[in-house]
Amino acid sequence: LPGTEIRYYTFHNYTALKSITIPKTVKLIGISAFENCTNLESIIFEGTMEEWNNIVKHNNWDLNTGNYTVYCSDGKITK
């Protein structure tokens, strides 16, 4: 079953991460979940841009990731 959160520090310092798909069931991204994922280029979110913007994103969730694009079902959002 798809989860509802990405817990804190889940991908912290995982520099090999370039792309990830996040199901629309996710409602929370924890502290520093993607911090220092310096090669992150794309997040494929299986929901809409509005649903992406409604996700609770805790402090530093994407600190030091560089630029990435979030691809949603109805468009894209660039960091």
C-alpha atoms as a PDB file:
ATOM      1  CA  LEU A   1       0.000   0.000   0.000  1.00  0.00           C
ATOM      2  CA  PRO A   2       1.243   3.508  -0.739  1.00  0.00           C
ATOM      3  CA  GLY A   3       2.431   5.408   2.320  1.00  0.00           C
ATOM      4  CA  THR A   4       1.187   8.755   3.548  1.00  0.00           C
ATOM      5  CA  GLU A   5       4.544  10.240   4.557  1.00  0.00           C
ATOM      6  CA  ILE A   6       8.207  10.362   3.769  1.00  0.00           C
ATOM      7  CA  ARG A   7       9.808  10.254   7.172  1.00  0.00           C
ATOM      8  CA  TYR A   8      12.500  12.615   8.371  1.00  0.00           C
ATOM      9  CA  TYR A   9      16.016  11.974   7.028  1.00  0.00           C
ATOM     10  CA  THR A  10      14.735   9.219   4.688  1.00  0.00           C
ATOM     11  CA  PHE A  11      17.050  10.121   1.783  1.00  0.00           C
ATOM     12  CA  HIS A  12      19.409  12.474   3.664  1.00  0.00           C
ATOM     13  CA  ASN A  13      22.872  12.614   2.009  1.00  0.00           C
ATOM     14  CA  TYR A  14      21.827  10.133  -0.713  1.00  0.00           C
ATOM     15  CA  THR A  15      23.764  11.825  -3.503  1.00  0.00           C
ATOM     16  CA  ALA A  16      23.040   9.048  -6.027  1.00  0.00           C
ATOM     17  CA  LEU A  17      19.337   9.963  -6.039  1.00  0.00           C
ATOM     18  CA  LYS A  18      18.456  11.626  -9.349  1.00  0.00           C
ATOM     19  CA  SER A  19      14.731  10.945  -9.647  1.00  0.00           C
ATOM     20  CA  ILE A  20      11.959   9.716  -7.392  1.00  0.00           C
ATOM     21  CA  THR A  21       8.271   8.976  -7.830  1.00  0.00           C
ATOM     22  CA  ILE A  22       5.991  10.008  -4.991  1.00  0.00           C
ATOM     23  CA  PRO A  23       2.411   8.685  -4.850  1.00  0.00           C
ATOM     24  CA  LYS A  24      -0.415  11.144  -4.370  1.00  0.00           C
ATOM     25  CA  THR A  25      -1.223   9.474  -1.043  1.00  0.00           C
ATOM     26  CA  VAL A  26       1.779  11.236   0.541  1.00  0.00           C
ATOM     27  CA  LYS A  27       0.600  14.093   2.749  1.00  0.00           C
ATOM     28  CA  LEU A  28       3.798  14.854   4.704  1.00  0.00           C
ATOM     29  CA  ILE A  29       7.508  15.128   3.947  1.00  0.00           C
ATOM     30  CA  GLY A  30       9.625  15.079   7.093  1.00  0.00           C
ATOM     31  CA  ILE A  31      12.538  17.167   8.281  1.00  0.00           C
ATOM     32  CA  SER A  32      15.592  16.898   6.004  1.00  0.00           C
ATOM     33  CA  ALA A  33      14.007  14.032   4.033  1.00  0.00           C
ATOM     34  CA  PHE A  34      15.940  14.973   0.867  1.00  0.00           C
ATOM     35  CA  GLU A  35      18.625  17.195   2.398  1.00  0.00           C
ATOM     36  CA  ASN A  36      21.959  17.018   0.562  1.00  0.00           C
ATOM     37  CA  CYS A  37      20.547  15.004  -2.340  1.00  0.00           C
ATOM     38  CA  THR A  38      22.729  17.153  -4.544  1.00  0.00           C
ATOM     39  CA  ASN A  39      21.985  15.289  -7.791  1.00  0.00           C
ATOM     40  CA  LEU A  40      18.188  15.297  -7.480  1.00  0.00           C
ATOM     41  CA  GLU A  41      16.793  16.385 -10.848  1.00  0.00           C
ATOM     42  CA  SER A  42      13.162  15.298 -10.865  1.00  0.00           C
ATOM     43  CA  ILE A  43      10.321  14.401  -8.552  1.00  0.00           C
ATOM     44  CA  ILE A  44       7.417  12.687 -10.260  1.00  0.00           C
ATOM     45  CA  PHE A  45       4.353  13.345  -8.134  1.00  0.00           C
ATOM     46  CA  GLU A  46       1.327  11.261  -9.060  1.00  0.00           C
ATOM     47  CA  GLY A  47      -1.127  13.992  -8.074  1.00  0.00           C
ATOM     48  CA  THR A  48      -1.910  17.547  -9.139  1.00  0.00           C
ATOM     49  CA  MET A  49       0.101  20.700  -8.510  1.00  0.00           C
ATOM     50  CA  GLU A  50      -2.477  21.729  -5.903  1.00  0.00           C
ATOM     51  CA  GLU A  51      -2.069  18.402  -4.097  1.00  0.00           C
ATOM     52  CA  TRP A  52       1.731  18.831  -4.182  1.00  0.00           C
ATOM     53  CA  ASN A  53       1.441  22.312  -2.712  1.00  0.00           C
ATOM     54  CA  ASN A  54      -0.849  20.975   0.048  1.00  0.00           C
ATOM     55  CA  ILE A  55       1.718  18.430   1.260  1.00  0.00           C
ATOM     56  CA  VAL A  56       3.114  19.428   4.656  1.00  0.00           C
ATOM     57  CA  LYS A  57       6.838  19.896   4.088  1.00  0.00           C
ATOM     58  CA  HIS A  58       8.902  20.197   7.252  1.00  0.00           C
ATOM     59  CA  ASN A  59      12.057  22.255   7.791  1.00  0.00           C
ATOM     60  CA  ASN A  60      14.957  21.682   5.425  1.00  0.00           C
ATOM     61  CA  TRP A  61      13.126  18.906   3.586  1.00  0.00           C
ATOM     62  CA  ASP A  62      14.973  19.864   0.392  1.00  0.00           C
ATOM     63  CA  LEU A  63      17.974  21.792   1.728  1.00  0.00           C
ATOM     64  CA  ASN A  64      21.021  21.672  -0.548  1.00  0.00           C
ATOM     65  CA  THR A  65      19.358  19.767  -3.370  1.00  0.00           C
ATOM     66  CA  GLY A  66      20.136  22.180  -6.144  1.00  0.00           C
ATOM     67  CA  ASN A  67      17.500  22.683  -8.822  1.00  0.00           C
ATOM     68  CA  TYR A  68      14.909  20.030  -9.538  1.00  0.00           C
ATOM     69  CA  THR A  69      11.528  19.858 -11.242  1.00  0.00           C
ATOM     70  CA  VAL A  70       8.366  18.380  -9.752  1.00  0.00           C
ATOM     71  CA  TYR A  71       6.259  16.782 -12.491  1.00  0.00           C
ATOM     72  CA  CYS A  72       2.585  16.623 -11.547  1.00  0.00           C
ATOM     73  CA  SER A  73      -0.378  15.237 -13.470  1.00  0.00           C
ATOM     74  CA  ASP A  74      -1.394  18.763 -14.534  1.00  0.00           C
ATOM     75  CA  GLY A  75       1.928  20.541 -14.944  1.00  0.00           C
ATOM     76  CA  LYS A  76       5.351  21.038 -13.467  1.00  0.00           C
ATOM     77  CA  ILE A  77       6.936  23.090 -10.691  1.00  0.00           C
ATOM     78  CA  THR A  78      10.580  24.123 -10.770  1.00  0.00           C
ATOM     79  CA  LYS A  79      12.512  24.747  -7.591  1.00  0.00           C
END
